[in-house]
């Protein structure tokens, strides 16, 4: 598990695209989760030019945790993440990036530490700017168009809205992850998500 057992979280990044046209799209799953975290822990997002995104501060188990929704384009997300991590002296291993994943069915969720980007432009940018892939991720499945027999390219698919059924599955998965967020922040990400969703590593 690459030492993931002992990883704590100081900084949560939700990936997405800004603007009303993108709010309800599959690619904005990270933004949805960040919004839910802010609501649960009574954080308030405010725009930050310095950090190129919307920033909030929450307290979980007496630990302060920063939230960020980059306002850059998705493929430039790393600029915002690195700016904030460098300013607050947060190590890459203490960063949790929440994003959509084409390779998981809608409603599935997995924890991952390190590894590749699987073609996700937001992750590519973050890895490039941090100089390492060794940060934490939570992957929310949005399914792949080929699995649904949808004749649509991947870009248009991820920038489209999920069906009502898939949306319910994704929201349900988020609710379950929120229930164990304290454990995730305390370095038990993989075990916590497995326990609540019976997910396989």
Protein backbone atom coordinates (compact mmCIF):
# COMPACT_ATOMS: atom_id res chain seq x y z
CA UNK A 1 0.00 0.00 0.00
CA UNK A 2 3.04 2.25 -0.40
CA UNK A 3 2.88 3.45 3.19
CA UNK A 4 -0.67 4.71 2.76
CA UNK A 5 -1.65 3.29 6.16
CA UNK A 6 0.02 6.18 7.95
CA UNK A 7 -0.97 9.05 5.66
CA UNK A 8 -2.90 11.96 7.09
CA UNK A 9 -4.79 14.57 5.08
CA UNK A 10 -4.19 18.32 5.40
CA UNK A 11 -5.43 19.49 2.01
CA UNK A 12 -8.36 18.27 -0.11
CA UNK A 13 -8.59 19.17 -3.79
CA UNK A 14 -11.85 18.64 -5.67
CA UNK A 15 -11.36 18.59 -9.44
CA UNK A 16 -13.84 20.09 -11.88
CA UNK A 17 -14.49 22.88 -14.35
CA UNK A 18 -15.88 26.26 -13.34
CA UNK A 19 -19.03 27.79 -14.76
CA UNK A 20 -22.75 26.95 -14.83
CA UNK A 21 -22.40 24.88 -18.01
CA UNK A 22 -20.21 22.37 -16.17
CA UNK A 23 -21.80 22.27 -12.71
CA UNK A 24 -23.84 19.11 -13.22
CA UNK A 25 -21.41 17.27 -15.48
CA UNK A 26 -19.61 14.01 -14.70
CA UNK A 27 -16.20 15.70 -14.77
CA UNK A 28 -17.23 17.88 -11.81
CA UNK A 29 -17.58 15.06 -9.30
CA UNK A 30 -14.60 16.45 -7.37
CA UNK A 31 -16.29 19.83 -7.02
CA UNK A 32 -19.48 18.14 -5.77
CA UNK A 33 -17.57 16.32 -3.05
CA UNK A 34 -15.69 19.45 -1.97
CA UNK A 35 -19.00 21.29 -1.67
CA UNK A 36 -20.43 18.50 0.47
CA UNK A 37 -17.38 18.61 2.74
CA UNK A 38 -17.71 22.36 3.19
CA UNK A 39 -21.40 21.97 4.03
CA UNK A 40 -20.85 19.13 6.50
CA UNK A 41 -18.03 20.84 8.35
CA UNK A 42 -19.42 24.38 8.07
CA UNK A 43 -16.72 25.71 5.78
CA UNK A 44 -17.26 28.67 3.46
CA UNK A 45 -15.68 28.83 0.03
CA UNK A 46 -14.30 32.15 -1.17
CA UNK A 47 -12.51 33.01 -4.39
CA UNK A 48 -8.74 33.37 -4.18
CA UNK A 49 -6.67 34.88 -6.97
CA UNK A 50 -3.50 33.88 -5.15
CA UNK A 51 -4.44 30.21 -5.20
CA UNK A 52 -6.33 30.29 -8.50
CA UNK A 53 -9.51 28.78 -7.12
CA UNK A 54 -12.19 28.71 -4.45
CA UNK A 55 -10.74 28.01 -1.01
CA UNK A 56 -12.30 26.96 2.29
CA UNK A 57 -11.02 25.91 5.70
CA UNK A 58 -12.70 23.19 7.74
CA UNK A 59 -11.92 21.55 11.06
CA UNK A 60 -12.03 17.77 11.36
CA UNK A 61 -11.16 16.19 14.71
CA UNK A 62 -9.48 19.45 15.80
CA UNK A 63 -7.32 19.44 12.67
CA UNK A 64 -7.53 22.27 10.16
CA UNK A 65 -7.94 21.05 6.58
CA UNK A 66 -7.86 23.24 3.50
CA UNK A 67 -10.27 22.70 0.62
CA UNK A 68 -9.61 23.85 -2.94
CA UNK A 69 -11.67 23.91 -6.11
CA UNK A 70 -9.25 25.11 -8.83
CA UNK A 71 -10.69 27.73 -11.15
CA UNK A 72 -8.11 27.01 -13.83
CA UNK A 73 -8.93 24.80 -16.75
CA UNK A 74 -8.91 21.13 -15.72
CA UNK A 75 -5.58 20.51 -17.45
CA UNK A 76 -3.99 23.34 -15.44
CA UNK A 77 -5.29 22.23 -12.03
CA UNK A 78 -1.77 21.53 -10.82
CA UNK A 79 -0.89 25.23 -10.87
CA UNK A 80 -3.49 25.95 -8.18
CA UNK A 81 -2.67 22.84 -6.15
CA UNK A 82 1.08 23.54 -6.12
CA UNK A 83 0.59 27.23 -5.27
CA UNK A 84 -1.46 26.38 -2.19
CA UNK A 85 0.64 23.40 -1.11
CA UNK A 86 3.84 25.42 -1.35
CA UNK A 87 2.41 28.38 0.55
CA UNK A 88 1.14 26.28 3.45
CA UNK A 89 4.11 23.88 3.33
CA UNK A 90 1.91 20.85 2.76
CA UNK A 91 3.67 17.71 1.57
CA UNK A 92 2.31 15.92 -1.54
CA UNK A 93 1.54 12.85 0.58
CA UNK A 94 -0.77 15.01 2.74
CA UNK A 95 -2.88 16.04 -0.27
CA UNK A 96 -6.11 14.22 -1.15
CA UNK A 97 -7.36 14.73 -4.72
CA UNK A 98 -10.99 13.81 -5.43
CA UNK A 99 -11.91 13.13 -9.04
CA UNK A 100 -14.10 11.28 -11.51
CA UNK A 101 -12.97 7.95 -12.93
CA UNK A 102 -14.08 6.41 -16.23
CA UNK A 103 -12.73 2.99 -15.30
CA UNK A 104 -15.10 2.52 -12.36
CA UNK A 105 -18.87 2.00 -12.67
CA UNK A 106 -21.15 4.76 -11.43
CA UNK A 107 -21.49 4.45 -7.68
CA UNK A 108 -18.14 2.75 -7.18
CA UNK A 109 -15.42 4.53 -5.24
CA UNK A 110 -11.83 3.65 -4.49
CA UNK A 111 -8.93 5.08 -2.56
CA UNK A 112 -5.52 5.20 -4.19
CA UNK A 113 -2.10 6.47 -3.18
CA UNK A 114 0.32 7.35 -5.94
CA UNK A 115 0.31 5.77 -9.38
CA UNK A 116 -0.51 7.03 -12.83
CA UNK A 117 -3.13 9.45 -14.09
CA UNK A 118 -5.11 6.97 -16.24
CA UNK A 119 -5.48 9.73 -18.81
CA UNK A 120 -7.08 12.21 -16.40
CA UNK A 121 -5.79 15.65 -17.38
CA UNK A 122 -6.28 17.10 -13.90
CA UNK A 123 -4.12 14.40 -12.35
CA UNK A 124 -1.49 14.79 -15.08
CA UNK A 125 -1.20 18.47 -14.27
CA UNK A 126 -1.01 17.93 -10.51
CA UNK A 127 1.68 15.26 -10.83
CA UNK A 128 3.67 17.51 -13.15
CA UNK A 129 3.46 20.55 -10.88
CA UNK A 130 4.15 18.67 -7.63
CA UNK A 131 6.96 16.71 -9.25
CA UNK A 132 5.61 13.44 -7.87
CA UNK A 133 2.56 11.16 -8.23
CA UNK A 134 2.71 10.34 -4.52
CA UNK A 135 -0.43 12.03 -3.29
CA UNK A 136 -3.72 10.51 -2.17
CA UNK A 137 -6.76 10.14 -4.44
CA UNK A 138 -10.41 9.24 -4.06
CA UNK A 139 -11.85 8.04 -7.36
CA UNK A 140 -15.60 8.25 -7.93
CA UNK A 141 -16.79 6.08 -10.80
CA UNK A 142 -18.74 7.66 -13.64
CA UNK A 143 -18.60 4.59 -15.93
CA UNK A 144 -17.37 4.55 -19.53
CA UNK A 145 -19.56 5.24 -22.58
CA UNK A 146 -18.54 1.93 -24.17
CA UNK A 147 -19.98 0.07 -21.18
CA UNK A 148 -23.31 1.76 -21.82
CA UNK A 149 -23.22 1.25 -25.58
CA UNK A 150 -23.19 5.02 -25.98
CA UNK A 151 -21.71 6.18 -29.28
CA UNK A 152 -19.95 9.24 -27.92
CA UNK A 153 -16.33 10.25 -27.53
CA UNK A 154 -14.92 10.35 -24.02
CA UNK A 155 -14.56 14.14 -23.87
CA UNK A 156 -18.22 14.74 -24.63
CA UNK A 157 -19.20 11.97 -22.25
CA UNK A 158 -17.34 13.32 -19.22
CA UNK A 159 -18.63 16.81 -20.00
CA UNK A 160 -22.20 15.51 -20.12
CA UNK A 161 -24.64 14.99 -17.28
CA UNK A 162 -25.08 11.56 -15.72
CA UNK A 163 -28.43 9.84 -15.96
CA UNK A 164 -30.75 10.14 -12.99
CA UNK A 165 -29.95 6.57 -12.00
CA UNK A 166 -26.18 7.11 -12.18
CA UNK A 167 -26.46 10.40 -10.30
CA UNK A 168 -28.24 8.66 -7.43
CA UNK A 169 -25.47 6.05 -7.29
CA UNK A 170 -22.74 8.69 -7.24
CA UNK A 171 -24.46 10.76 -4.55
CA UNK A 172 -24.99 7.63 -2.46
CA UNK A 173 -21.29 6.79 -2.72
CA UNK A 174 -20.34 10.32 -1.66
CA UNK A 175 -22.64 10.12 1.34
CA UNK A 176 -20.93 6.92 2.47
CA UNK A 177 -17.46 8.40 2.02
CA UNK A 178 -18.47 11.48 4.03
CA UNK A 179 -19.44 9.15 6.88
CA UNK A 180 -15.83 7.97 7.19
CA UNK A 181 -14.07 11.21 6.30
CA UNK A 182 -12.62 11.55 9.81
CA UNK A 183 -10.90 8.19 9.39
CA UNK A 184 -9.65 9.14 5.94
CA UNK A 185 -8.07 12.32 7.34
CA UNK A 186 -6.41 10.30 10.08
CA UNK A 187 -4.53 8.14 7.59
CA UNK A 188 -6.99 5.29 7.19
CA UNK A 189 -8.23 6.13 3.70
CA UNK A 190 -8.03 2.74 2.06
CA UNK A 191 -9.41 0.80 5.02
CA UNK A 192 -12.18 3.32 5.67
CA UNK A 193 -13.51 3.22 2.12
CA UNK A 194 -13.26 -0.55 1.94
CA UNK A 195 -15.21 -0.89 5.17
CA UNK A 196 -18.06 1.38 4.15
CA UNK A 197 -18.46 0.23 0.56
CA UNK A 198 -16.95 -3.27 0.66
CA UNK A 199 -14.80 -2.11 -2.25
CA UNK A 200 -11.93 -4.24 -3.48
CA UNK A 201 -8.48 -2.79 -3.76
